[in-house]
Amino acid sequence: MPITSILEQNSRLYPNDIALTEINPKVESKPQLTWREYSLIESSPGDSYRRELTWSAFDKKANRLANLLLARGVKKGEKIAILLMNCLEWLPIYFGILKAGAMAVPLNYRYTSDEIKYCLDLADADGLLFGPEFCDRVGAIVGDIPKVKHLMYVGKDCPAFCESYDRLVGYCSGKSPNVPICDEDDAAIYFSSGTTGFPKAIVHTHTSLMHSARTEQAHHSQTRDDVFLCIPPLYHTGAKMHWFGSFLVGSKAVILKGIKPQWILKAVSEEKCSIVWLLVPWAQDILDAIDRGEIDLNDYQLSQWRLMHIGAQPVPPSLIKRWKERFPDHQYDTNYGLSESIGPGCVHLGVENIHKVGAIGKAGFGWQVKIVDPAGNSVKQGDVGELAVKGPGVMKEYYKDQKATEEVLKDGWLYTGDMATQDEDGFIYLVDRKKDVIISGGENLYPVQIEDFLRKHDKISDVAVIGLADARLGEIAAAIIQVKEGYDLTVEEIAQFCMELPRYKRPHKFIFAEVPRNPTGKIEKPKLRKLYGADKVVAMQNEIKEK
């Protein structure tokens, strides 16, 4: 059944129960608002410390947007993009798009104007709903996106170049539009990227989305008594697909707009959260704050917190050892996945296998895995090969890119590009990546983009960007810079130059040295990693061996 049927079911069974709560710690002094029914006058993102939505109101809000889109002539299969920070409006908008039979196209909130335009064009987006944080970026390209016929602003003080979402949906019916949707209908486009840094548009069906919900619930046994704390960005498959396990059983979710350790623990305590998905840096920050005496766990009600799990990057065993010392009663799980396999869960450690921390685990619920050589043959146990996965959550295709689709989809198997090995107990360990993507704090950094930027400096002859191990972020970007002959260049000068980059793309380390290239002109990045520091996977392997 389509994923929208779960929302309708929850609305029927639990109409007055809270479905979503938004916590904004930055405005704690402002009033708290409870939205038990949909009204024409709404608060906007950032208005209050706490906002709530019942299952009935959630469903009505989604229906109102669906009916608006249909009234505007949006047809089944058309694409509507979402560019919002995490907020109470995000998920009702997502489901409203799906209920109209359209495809939801979530956009990374860190995209520049050019990247927003690129993704809108690539996905053939017919509409865009965006929040106040993106007025300048969207305004800069509004004349260059003629295909985007439906441009709606979610918030107060609507700009002149678009229409107000709040005003428009207020006059639409809250009843289901009853658009026929089947399991194999296209549901969403998510964006990924290879080593070139250019995003690919990943198409998923309702079957994919439903399988992610079933997989997550099978792995973590969510019940209606659980409360899920959602911190990562909702544009990413990870956060949303982990929430889908709670969504499937009608339990509450809390959207926290902030990552400070004190905010996380306060939200867990006040909202009685029982499941929290973290990234490595956030878990590290919580432990460090406890160690420094900035946090006293006795100040919080945490007895109901039963599960902490981590995804998006390899997990250092030492981190989980520290975590269990502070939170001995917590279950723990590692989740592996990619946007092409509808996010987390195609491989997972399992809460019963904490003794295998360092591994990404075994095949998830409903999934198959294999490790293959370049010819596609399974390698012997213990040998390194490429990890491939197969299951109902594999993407349909890369939109408008048959060549790229055929490169990764072979006989129903998704070739992940991750190099892995399997131990004698069947647990899989990542050992390297075929791609040079750097994963820093759970975010993908694409070296080519940073290299292209740095090459604009008139004193730089050549440059290579690699990932180096970092205790908090997992990896950091390091730039090896070859200075033009006869010029001098300082770290301070290049760091100032990099201020033009978004903060998360700025290299953390600069090394002035020759950039080695092979006879075909390709940068020899393995040599650079060997020269300047092992990557995080190798560091983790050594840590595992020392245990």
Protein backbone atom coordinates (compact mmCIF):
# COMPACT_ATOMS: atom_id res chain seq x y z
CA MET A 1 0.00 0.00 0.00
CA PRO A 2 1.19 3.60 -0.55
CA ILE A 3 2.88 5.40 2.32
CA THR A 4 0.02 7.94 2.44
CA SER A 5 -2.35 5.22 3.66
CA ILE A 6 -0.45 5.09 6.97
CA LEU A 7 -1.20 8.76 7.65
CA GLU A 8 -4.88 8.22 6.88
CA GLN A 9 -4.94 5.16 9.13
CA ASN A 10 -3.33 7.00 12.03
CA SER A 11 -5.78 9.87 11.61
CA ARG A 12 -8.70 7.45 11.88
CA LEU A 13 -7.34 5.44 14.80
CA TYR A 14 -5.70 8.21 16.88
CA PRO A 15 -7.25 11.51 15.72
CA ASN A 16 -6.61 13.47 18.92
CA ASP A 17 -3.22 12.01 19.83
CA ILE A 18 -0.14 14.13 19.22
CA ALA A 19 1.69 13.10 16.05
CA LEU A 20 4.38 15.77 15.82
CA THR A 21 5.94 18.21 18.27
CA GLU A 22 8.36 20.94 17.24
CA ILE A 23 10.87 22.25 19.79
CA ASN A 24 12.81 25.42 18.98
CA PRO A 25 15.24 26.05 21.88
CA LYS A 26 16.31 29.40 20.43
CA VAL A 27 12.94 30.96 21.29
CA GLU A 28 12.29 29.30 24.63
CA SER A 29 10.88 32.48 26.15
CA LYS A 30 8.06 32.69 23.61
CA PRO A 31 4.62 31.11 24.15
CA GLN A 32 3.91 27.45 23.54
CA LEU A 33 1.21 26.62 21.02
CA THR A 34 -0.90 23.50 20.59
CA TRP A 35 -2.55 22.87 17.22
CA ARG A 36 -5.11 20.18 17.87
CA GLU A 37 -7.15 21.16 14.84
CA TYR A 38 -6.30 23.00 11.66
CA SER A 39 -7.13 26.72 11.70
CA LEU A 40 -6.89 29.50 9.15
CA ILE A 41 -4.49 31.46 11.36
CA GLU A 42 -1.28 29.58 11.93
CA SER A 43 2.01 30.19 13.63
CA SER A 44 5.03 30.26 11.36
CA PRO A 45 8.34 28.43 11.78
CA GLY A 46 10.33 30.11 14.53
CA ASP A 47 7.34 31.71 16.28
CA SER A 48 7.34 29.65 19.46
CA TYR A 49 9.34 27.29 21.61
CA ARG A 50 6.90 24.41 21.24
CA ARG A 51 4.21 23.58 18.66
CA GLU A 52 2.14 20.41 18.33
CA LEU A 53 0.06 18.67 15.72
CA THR A 54 -2.42 15.84 16.18
CA TRP A 55 -2.78 12.99 13.69
CA SER A 56 -6.08 14.46 12.56
CA ALA A 57 -4.58 17.92 12.01
CA PHE A 58 -1.54 16.38 10.28
CA ASP A 59 -3.79 14.56 7.82
CA LYS A 60 -5.98 17.63 7.22
CA LYS A 61 -2.98 19.85 6.55
CA ALA A 62 -1.68 17.31 4.02
CA ASN A 63 -5.12 17.10 2.39
CA ARG A 64 -5.39 20.88 2.11
CA LEU A 65 -2.09 21.12 0.23
CA ALA A 66 -3.03 18.17 -1.98
CA ASN A 67 -6.33 19.81 -2.89
CA LEU A 68 -4.56 23.11 -3.56
CA LEU A 69 -2.09 21.45 -5.92
CA LEU A 70 -4.86 19.63 -7.73
CA ALA A 71 -6.86 22.85 -8.07
CA ARG A 72 -3.77 24.46 -9.59
CA GLY A 73 -3.63 21.75 -12.23
CA VAL A 74 -0.81 19.63 -10.80
CA LYS A 75 -1.05 16.21 -12.39
CA LYS A 76 -0.05 12.79 -11.16
CA GLY A 77 3.70 12.31 -11.41
CA GLU A 78 4.60 16.01 -11.51
CA LYS A 79 7.36 17.12 -9.16
CA ILE A 80 7.04 19.56 -6.27
CA ALA A 81 10.22 20.56 -4.45
CA ILE A 82 10.58 21.32 -0.72
CA LEU A 83 13.21 23.75 0.58
CA LEU A 84 12.60 24.12 4.31
CA MET A 85 14.53 23.92 7.52
CA ASN A 86 13.18 21.26 9.89
CA CYS A 87 9.82 22.51 11.14
CA LEU A 88 6.29 21.39 11.94
CA GLU A 89 5.18 22.17 8.38
CA TRP A 90 7.76 19.92 6.69
CA LEU A 91 6.09 16.50 6.92
CA PRO A 92 2.49 17.65 6.24
CA ILE A 93 3.81 19.36 3.10
CA TYR A 94 5.68 16.22 2.07
CA PHE A 95 2.59 14.06 2.49
CA GLY A 96 0.35 16.66 0.86
CA ILE A 97 2.46 16.41 -2.27
CA LEU A 98 2.23 12.62 -2.21
CA LYS A 99 -1.54 12.68 -1.64
CA ALA A 100 -1.92 14.75 -4.80
CA GLY A 101 -0.22 11.91 -6.68
CA ALA A 102 2.78 14.15 -7.28
CA MET A 103 6.41 13.44 -6.42
CA ALA A 104 8.07 15.14 -3.46
CA VAL A 105 11.54 16.56 -4.20
CA PRO A 106 13.33 17.51 -0.95
CA LEU A 107 16.27 19.91 -1.37
CA ASN A 108 19.33 20.24 0.82
CA TYR A 109 18.98 23.45 2.84
CA ARG A 110 22.68 24.13 2.35
CA TYR A 111 22.35 24.46 -1.41
CA THR A 112 23.45 27.71 -2.99
CA SER A 113 21.21 29.47 -5.50
CA ASP A 114 23.02 27.77 -8.38
CA GLU A 115 22.64 24.36 -6.76
CA ILE A 116 18.93 24.95 -6.13
CA LYS A 117 18.44 25.86 -9.77
CA TYR A 118 20.47 22.87 -10.94
CA CYS A 119 18.38 20.43 -8.90
CA LEU A 120 15.07 22.02 -9.87
CA ASP A 121 16.06 21.75 -13.53
CA LEU A 122 17.37 18.21 -13.19
CA ALA A 123 14.19 16.99 -11.53
CA ASP A 124 11.88 18.92 -13.91
CA ALA A 125 10.28 20.45 -10.83
CA ASP A 126 6.88 22.02 -11.44
CA GLY A 127 6.67 23.69 -8.04
CA LEU A 128 8.67 24.79 -5.02
CA LEU A 129 7.67 25.44 -1.42
CA PHE A 130 10.35 27.29 0.53
CA GLY A 131 10.87 28.94 3.91
CA PRO A 132 12.08 32.36 5.08
CA GLU A 133 15.71 31.28 5.31
CA PHE A 134 15.82 30.89 1.53
CA CYS A 135 14.24 34.13 0.28
CA ASP A 136 17.52 35.57 -1.01
CA ARG A 137 18.64 32.33 -2.64
CA VAL A 138 15.31 31.68 -4.36
CA GLY A 139 14.86 35.35 -5.25
CA ALA A 140 18.22 35.33 -7.02
CA ILE A 141 17.09 32.62 -9.47
CA VAL A 142 13.35 33.25 -9.74
CA GLY A 143 13.77 34.54 -13.30
CA ASP A 144 15.80 31.49 -14.31
CA ILE A 145 13.37 28.73 -13.32
CA PRO A 146 10.45 29.23 -15.75
CA LYS A 147 9.26 25.61 -15.44
CA VAL A 148 8.51 26.13 -11.73
CA LYS A 149 4.91 27.31 -12.12
CA HIS A 150 3.93 26.97 -8.44
CA LEU A 151 6.15 29.02 -6.14
CA MET A 152 4.91 29.15 -2.55
CA TYR A 153 6.39 30.71 0.56
CA VAL A 154 5.97 29.02 3.96
CA GLY A 155 6.07 31.71 6.63
CA LYS A 156 5.17 35.31 7.43
CA ASP A 157 5.81 38.36 5.23
CA CYS A 158 5.55 36.63 1.88
CA PRO A 159 7.90 38.07 -0.79
CA ALA A 160 6.33 39.71 -3.83
CA PHE A 161 7.75 37.13 -6.26
CA CYS A 162 5.72 34.20 -4.87
CA GLU A 163 2.46 33.22 -3.17
CA SER A 164 1.70 32.56 0.48
CA TYR A 165 1.30 28.88 1.33
CA ASP A 166 -0.53 29.71 4.58
CA ARG A 167 -3.07 31.91 2.84
CA LEU A 168 -3.71 29.55 -0.05
CA VAL A 169 -4.19 26.31 1.90
CA GLY A 170 -6.49 28.04 4.36
CA TYR A 171 -9.23 28.08 1.75
CA CYS A 172 -8.82 24.45 0.62
CA SER A 173 -10.73 21.41 1.80
CA GLY A 174 -9.26 19.25 4.54
CA LYS A 175 -10.91 16.15 3.09
CA SER A 176 -8.89 13.49 1.30
CA PRO A 177 -8.50 14.16 -2.42
CA ASN A 178 -8.82 10.42 -3.04
CA VAL A 179 -6.28 10.39 -5.84
CA PRO A 180 -5.67 6.73 -6.80
CA ILE A 181 -2.11 5.80 -5.81
CA CYS A 182 -0.57 2.34 -6.17
CA ASP A 183 2.56 0.82 -4.72
CA GLU A 184 4.64 1.17 -7.89
CA ASP A 185 3.79 4.83 -8.46
CA ASP A 186 6.75 7.19 -8.27
CA ALA A 187 6.77 8.95 -4.88
CA ALA A 188 9.89 11.03 -4.41
CA ILE A 189 13.19 12.21 -5.83
CA TYR A 190 16.18 12.49 -3.52
CA PHE A 191 19.55 13.87 -4.53
CA SER A 192 22.91 12.19 -4.29
CA SER A 193 26.25 12.77 -5.94
CA GLY A 194 29.36 11.01 -7.09
CA THR A 195 32.97 12.12 -7.10
CA THR A 196 32.21 14.87 -9.59
CA GLY A 197 29.96 16.54 -7.06
CA PHE A 198 27.05 16.90 -9.49
CA PRO A 199 23.85 15.61 -7.89
CA LYS A 200 21.94 12.70 -9.35
CA ALA A 201 18.16 12.56 -9.01
CA ILE A 202 17.18 9.29 -7.29
CA VAL A 203 13.65 8.06 -7.98
CA HIS A 204 11.82 6.06 -5.32
CA THR A 205 8.37 4.52 -5.45
CA HIS A 206 5.78 4.10 -2.71
CA THR A 207 7.02 0.51 -2.38
CA SER A 208 10.46 1.85 -1.43
CA LEU A 209 9.05 4.21 1.19
CA MET A 210 6.82 1.54 2.72
CA HIS A 211 9.69 -0.93 2.88
CA SER A 212 11.84 1.57 4.76
CA ALA A 213 9.06 1.90 7.35
CA ARG A 214 8.71 -1.86 7.75
CA THR A 215 12.48 -2.35 7.93
CA GLU A 216 12.94 0.29 10.61
CA GLN A 217 10.10 -1.03 12.73
CA ALA A 218 11.39 -4.60 12.40
CA HIS A 219 14.84 -3.51 13.53
CA HIS A 220 13.87 -1.34 16.50
CA SER A 221 10.46 -2.66 17.60
CA GLN A 222 8.70 0.69 17.87
CA THR A 223 5.35 0.72 19.65
CA ARG A 224 2.81 3.47 20.22
CA ASP A 225 4.46 4.14 23.59
CA ASP A 226 7.72 5.20 21.95
CA VAL A 227 8.66 8.82 21.22
CA PHE A 228 11.17 9.43 18.44
CA LEU A 229 13.49 12.44 18.61
CA CYS A 230 14.24 13.75 15.12
CA ILE A 231 17.30 15.98 14.87
CA PRO A 232 18.88 15.43 11.41
CA PRO A 233 17.53 17.34 8.39
CA LEU A 234 14.29 16.00 6.96
CA TYR A 235 15.46 16.54 3.38
CA HIS A 236 17.78 13.57 3.93
CA THR A 237 16.50 10.01 3.70
CA GLY A 238 18.11 9.08 7.03
CA ALA A 239 16.03 11.11 9.47
CA LYS A 240 12.74 10.62 7.70
CA MET A 241 13.13 6.90 7.10
CA HIS A 242 14.06 6.27 10.74
CA TRP A 243 10.92 8.20 11.71
CA PHE A 244 8.91 6.00 9.35
CA GLY A 245 9.24 3.14 11.85
CA SER A 246 7.42 5.25 14.45
CA PHE A 247 5.01 6.58 11.82
CA LEU A 248 4.02 3.00 10.97
CA VAL A 249 2.73 2.34 14.50
CA GLY A 250 1.28 5.81 15.16
CA SER A 251 3.74 6.97 17.80
CA LYS A 252 4.82 10.54 18.45
CA ALA A 253 7.84 12.26 16.98
CA VAL A 254 9.64 15.36 18.27
CA ILE A 255 11.39 17.64 15.79
CA LEU A 256 14.27 19.39 17.57
CA LYS A 257 15.63 22.50 15.87
CA GLY A 258 19.13 22.45 17.32
CA ILE A 259 22.00 20.10 18.15
CA LYS A 260 23.52 21.45 21.39
CA PRO A 261 23.98 18.63 23.92
CA GLN A 262 21.91 20.45 26.53
CA TRP A 263 19.06 20.93 24.05
CA ILE A 264 19.08 17.26 23.08
CA LEU A 265 18.98 16.02 26.66
CA LYS A 266 16.34 18.57 27.66
CA ALA A 267 14.12 17.48 24.77
CA VAL A 268 14.58 13.80 25.67
CA SER A 269 13.72 14.61 29.27
CA GLU A 270 10.73 16.92 28.75
CA GLU A 271 9.15 15.05 25.83
CA LYS A 272 9.87 11.58 27.29
CA CYS A 273 11.77 10.51 24.16
CA SER A 274 12.68 6.84 24.01
CA ILE A 275 14.48 6.64 20.64
CA VAL A 276 17.18 9.04 19.46
CA TRP A 277 19.14 8.83 16.21
CA LEU A 278 22.45 10.69 16.36
CA LEU A 279 25.42 11.41 14.16
CA VAL A 280 28.89 10.67 15.50
CA PRO A 281 29.74 14.34 16.25
CA TRP A 282 26.56 14.86 18.26
CA ALA A 283 27.17 11.78 20.40
CA GLN A 284 30.77 12.94 20.86
CA ASP A 285 29.60 16.41 21.92
CA ILE A 286 27.21 14.99 24.52
CA LEU A 287 29.93 12.82 26.06
CA ASP A 288 32.48 15.63 26.02
CA ALA A 289 30.02 18.01 27.70
CA ILE A 290 29.41 15.43 30.43
CA ASP A 291 33.15 14.92 30.90
CA ARG A 292 33.71 18.67 31.21
CA GLY A 293 31.04 18.92 33.88
CA GLU A 294 28.79 21.10 31.72
CA ILE A 295 26.03 18.49 31.91
CA ASP A 296 24.80 16.65 34.99
CA LEU A 297 22.69 13.68 33.90
CA ASN A 298 20.85 13.85 37.22
CA ASP A 299 19.21 17.04 36.00
CA TYR A 300 17.28 15.14 33.32
CA GLN A 301 14.59 12.45 33.23
CA LEU A 302 16.21 9.87 30.96
CA SER A 303 15.00 6.51 32.26
CA GLN A 304 12.59 6.10 29.33
CA TRP A 305 15.38 6.53 26.73
CA ARG A 306 15.88 2.97 25.49
CA LEU A 307 17.66 3.23 22.11
CA MET A 308 20.46 5.36 20.70
CA HIS A 309 21.46 4.54 17.16
CA ILE A 310 23.88 6.09 14.70
CA GLY A 311 24.10 6.20 10.94
CA ALA A 312 25.49 8.17 7.98
CA GLN A 313 29.14 7.33 8.74
CA PRO A 314 31.33 4.60 10.26
CA VAL A 315 31.20 4.55 14.04
CA PRO A 316 34.37 4.39 16.20
CA PRO A 317 34.08 1.52 18.72
CA SER A 318 35.70 3.73 21.36
CA LEU A 319 32.78 6.16 21.08
CA ILE A 320 30.21 3.46 21.83
CA LYS A 321 32.34 2.14 24.68
CA ARG A 322 32.28 5.62 26.21
CA TRP A 323 28.56 5.92 25.55
CA LYS A 324 27.77 2.65 27.32
CA GLU A 325 29.79 3.79 30.32
CA ARG A 326 27.54 6.84 30.64
CA PHE A 327 24.32 5.18 29.47
CA PRO A 328 24.68 1.50 30.42
CA ASP A 329 20.99 0.69 29.91
CA HIS A 330 20.79 1.94 26.33
CA GLN A 331 20.34 -0.35 23.39
CA TYR A 332 22.62 0.59 20.50
CA ASP A 333 22.48 0.01 16.76
CA THR A 334 24.56 1.01 13.74
CA ASN A 335 22.64 1.69 10.54
CA TYR A 336 24.09 1.57 7.04
CA GLY A 337 22.35 2.75 3.92
CA LEU A 338 22.40 5.21 1.09
CA SER A 339 19.84 7.35 -0.66
CA GLU A 340 19.71 4.83 -3.49
CA SER A 341 18.56 2.18 -1.00
CA ILE A 342 16.03 4.54 0.61
CA GLY A 343 18.35 5.51 3.43
CA PRO A 344 19.25 3.39 6.46
CA GLY A 345 18.52 -0.23 7.14
CA CYS A 346 19.70 -2.30 4.20
CA VAL A 347 22.55 -3.34 6.50
CA HIS A 348 22.39 -2.92 10.26
CA LEU A 349 24.29 -4.12 13.30
CA GLY A 350 21.32 -5.14 15.44
CA VAL A 351 20.82 -4.16 19.08
CA GLU A 352 21.82 -7.66 20.18
CA ASN A 353 25.23 -7.41 18.49
CA ILE A 354 26.92 -4.55 20.30
CA HIS A 355 29.97 -6.78 20.75
CA LYS A 356 30.50 -6.31 17.00
CA VAL A 357 30.62 -2.51 17.06
CA GLY A 358 32.87 -1.41 14.22
CA ALA A 359 30.99 -3.57 11.76
CA ILE A 360 28.04 -2.14 9.86
CA GLY A 361 26.29 -5.46 10.47
CA LYS A 362 24.34 -7.93 8.37
CA ALA A 363 21.57 -7.71 5.79
CA GLY A 364 18.59 -5.80 7.11
CA PHE A 365 14.96 -6.89 7.21
CA GLY A 366 13.88 -7.88 3.69
CA TRP A 367 17.33 -7.21 2.24
CA GLN A 368 20.07 -9.31 0.64
CA VAL A 369 23.76 -8.42 0.55
CA LYS A 370 26.85 -9.68 -1.23
CA ILE A 371 30.45 -8.60 -1.63
CA VAL A 372 31.72 -8.89 -5.20
CA ASP A 373 34.84 -8.57 -7.30
CA PRO A 374 34.99 -6.32 -10.39
CA ALA A 375 33.42 -9.09 -12.48
CA GLY A 376 30.42 -9.29 -10.16
CA ASN A 377 31.39 -12.60 -8.58
CA SER A 378 31.11 -13.05 -4.82
CA VAL A 379 34.49 -12.87 -3.10
CA LYS A 380 35.70 -15.36 -0.53
CA GLN A 381 34.99 -14.67 3.13
CA GLY A 382 37.58 -12.23 4.42
CA ASP A 383 38.45 -10.80 1.00
CA VAL A 384 37.71 -7.19 0.06
CA GLY A 385 35.15 -6.41 -2.62
CA GLU A 386 32.34 -4.02 -3.47
CA LEU A 387 29.23 -4.19 -1.33
CA ALA A 388 26.00 -4.77 -3.26
CA VAL A 389 22.48 -4.83 -1.80
CA LYS A 390 19.11 -6.00 -3.09
CA GLY A 391 15.59 -5.48 -1.76
CA PRO A 392 12.28 -3.63 -2.15
CA GLY A 393 13.93 -0.36 -1.08
CA VAL A 394 16.33 -0.12 -4.02
CA MET A 395 15.74 2.95 -6.16
CA LYS A 396 13.87 2.74 -9.43
CA GLU A 397 16.46 4.74 -11.37
CA TYR A 398 18.51 7.89 -11.62
CA TYR A 399 16.05 10.26 -13.26
CA LYS A 400 16.98 11.01 -16.88
CA ASP A 401 20.33 9.21 -16.53
CA GLN A 402 20.12 5.72 -17.97
CA LYS A 403 23.88 5.32 -18.20
CA ALA A 404 24.44 6.06 -14.52
CA THR A 405 21.50 3.81 -13.61
CA GLU A 406 22.96 0.88 -15.53
CA GLU A 407 26.33 1.38 -13.85
CA VAL A 408 24.92 0.76 -10.35
CA LEU A 409 21.79 -1.39 -10.95
CA LYS A 410 22.59 -4.87 -12.21
CA ASP A 411 20.04 -7.69 -12.11
CA GLY A 412 18.22 -5.95 -9.27
CA TRP A 413 21.41 -5.48 -7.24
CA LEU A 414 22.52 -2.00 -6.23
CA TYR A 415 26.29 -1.64 -6.33
CA THR A 416 27.07 0.77 -3.52
CA GLY A 417 30.61 1.86 -4.40
CA ASP A 418 31.70 0.95 -0.87
CA MET A 419 34.47 -1.60 -0.45
CA ALA A 420 33.83 -4.10 2.32
CA THR A 421 34.82 -7.39 3.86
CA GLN A 422 32.94 -10.00 5.87
CA ASP A 423 34.17 -11.81 8.97
CA GLU A 424 33.67 -15.45 9.91
CA ASP A 425 30.39 -14.61 11.65
CA GLY A 426 28.94 -12.90 8.59
CA PHE A 427 29.34 -9.31 9.83
CA ILE A 428 30.30 -6.75 7.21
CA TYR A 429 33.02 -4.13 7.71
CA LEU A 430 33.61 -1.17 5.41
CA VAL A 431 37.27 -0.84 4.48
CA ASP A 432 37.34 1.85 1.80
CA ARG A 433 35.22 3.74 -0.71
CA LYS A 434 35.53 3.64 -4.45
CA LYS A 435 34.33 7.20 -4.46
CA ASP A 436 36.41 9.97 -2.97
CA VAL A 437 33.49 11.56 -1.14
CA ILE A 438 34.45 12.84 2.30
CA ILE A 439 31.85 12.26 5.04
CA SER A 440 32.27 14.99 7.63
CA GLY A 441 29.77 15.08 10.47
CA GLY A 442 27.34 13.03 8.39
CA GLU A 443 27.46 15.47 5.45
CA ASN A 444 29.00 14.55 2.10
CA LEU A 445 31.78 16.82 0.87
CA TYR A 446 32.79 16.53 -2.77
CA PRO A 447 36.51 17.16 -3.27
CA VAL A 448 36.17 18.23 -6.90
CA GLN A 449 33.94 21.15 -5.91
CA ILE A 450 36.42 22.37 -3.31
CA GLU A 451 39.37 21.80 -5.66
CA ASP A 452 37.70 23.78 -8.43
CA PHE A 453 37.14 26.67 -6.04
CA LEU A 454 40.71 26.68 -4.75
CA ARG A 455 42.12 26.62 -8.27
CA LYS A 456 40.65 30.08 -8.78
CA HIS A 457 43.36 31.48 -6.49
CA ASP A 458 46.03 33.09 -8.64
CA LYS A 459 48.90 31.65 -6.58
CA ILE A 460 47.76 28.01 -6.75
CA SER A 461 49.21 25.75 -9.42
CA ASP A 462 47.45 22.53 -8.42
CA VAL A 463 45.36 21.23 -5.55
CA ALA A 464 43.96 17.98 -4.19
CA VAL A 465 41.42 17.57 -1.41
CA ILE A 466 41.32 14.40 0.69
CA GLY A 467 39.64 13.25 3.89
CA LEU A 468 41.67 12.85 7.06
CA ALA A 469 40.53 11.17 10.25
CA ASP A 470 38.96 13.39 12.90
CA ALA A 471 37.80 12.26 16.35
CA ARG A 472 34.65 14.38 16.32
CA LEU A 473 33.55 14.72 12.69
CA GLY A 474 34.76 11.35 11.44
CA GLU A 475 36.65 13.06 8.61
CA ILE A 476 37.79 16.56 7.77
CA ALA A 477 38.71 17.99 4.39
CA ALA A 478 42.42 18.61 3.92
CA ALA A 479 43.74 20.56 0.94
CA ILE A 480 47.16 19.72 -0.49
CA ILE A 481 48.17 22.90 -2.30
CA GLN A 482 50.91 23.21 -4.90
CA VAL A 483 51.93 26.87 -5.03
CA LYS A 484 52.93 28.45 -8.32
CA GLU A 485 56.68 28.81 -8.74
CA GLY A 486 57.94 32.16 -7.52
CA TYR A 487 54.96 32.82 -5.26
CA ASP A 488 54.52 32.65 -1.50
CA LEU A 489 51.22 31.60 0.07
CA THR A 490 50.33 31.43 3.76
CA VAL A 491 47.72 29.39 5.62
CA GLU A 492 46.09 32.63 6.77
CA GLU A 493 45.81 33.89 3.22
CA ILE A 494 44.22 30.74 1.84
CA ALA A 495 41.93 30.38 4.87
CA GLN A 496 40.65 33.91 4.23
CA PHE A 497 40.12 33.04 0.56
CA CYS A 498 38.03 30.03 1.60
CA MET A 499 35.62 32.23 3.56
CA GLU A 500 33.68 32.49 0.29
CA LEU A 501 32.84 28.79 0.60
CA PRO A 502 29.95 27.58 2.76
CA ARG A 503 31.31 26.82 6.22
CA TYR A 504 30.87 23.05 5.94
CA LYS A 505 32.89 22.95 2.68
CA ARG A 506 35.92 24.83 4.01
CA PRO A 507 39.04 22.67 4.44
CA HIS A 508 40.14 22.22 8.05
CA LYS A 509 43.78 21.64 7.13
CA PHE A 510 46.15 23.06 4.50
CA ILE A 511 49.31 21.30 3.37
CA PHE A 512 51.72 23.04 0.99
CA ALA A 513 53.31 20.34 -1.17
CA GLU A 514 53.48 18.91 -4.67
CA VAL A 515 50.30 17.26 -5.94
CA PRO A 516 51.22 13.86 -7.42
CA ARG A 517 49.49 12.74 -10.61
CA ASN A 518 49.71 9.43 -12.47
CA PRO A 519 50.64 9.10 -16.18
CA THR A 520 47.01 9.64 -17.22
CA GLY A 521 46.83 12.90 -15.29
CA LYS A 522 44.74 11.67 -12.36
CA ILE A 523 45.61 12.79 -8.86
CA GLU A 524 47.07 9.93 -6.84
CA LYS A 525 44.89 10.35 -3.78
CA PRO A 526 45.78 6.99 -2.18
CA LYS A 527 49.39 8.18 -2.13
CA LEU A 528 48.34 11.45 -0.49
CA ARG A 529 46.35 9.61 2.18
CA LYS A 530 49.35 7.45 2.91
CA LEU A 531 51.62 10.47 3.12
CA TYR A 532 49.45 12.72 5.25
CA GLY A 533 47.33 10.44 7.39
CA ALA A 534 45.21 7.28 7.34
CA ASP A 535 41.56 7.76 6.55
CA LYS A 536 38.98 7.11 9.22
CA VAL A 537 38.20 3.59 8.07
CA VAL A 538 41.80 2.47 8.49
CA ALA A 539 41.93 4.19 11.87
CA MET A 540 38.84 2.31 12.92
CA GLN A 541 40.27 -0.99 11.73
CA ASN A 542 43.34 -0.46 13.90
CA GLU A 543 41.10 0.38 16.84
CA ILE A 544 39.15 -2.83 16.32
CA LYS A 545 42.36 -4.89 16.22
CA GLU A 546 43.55 -3.35 19.48
CA LYS A 547 40.38 -4.26 21.37
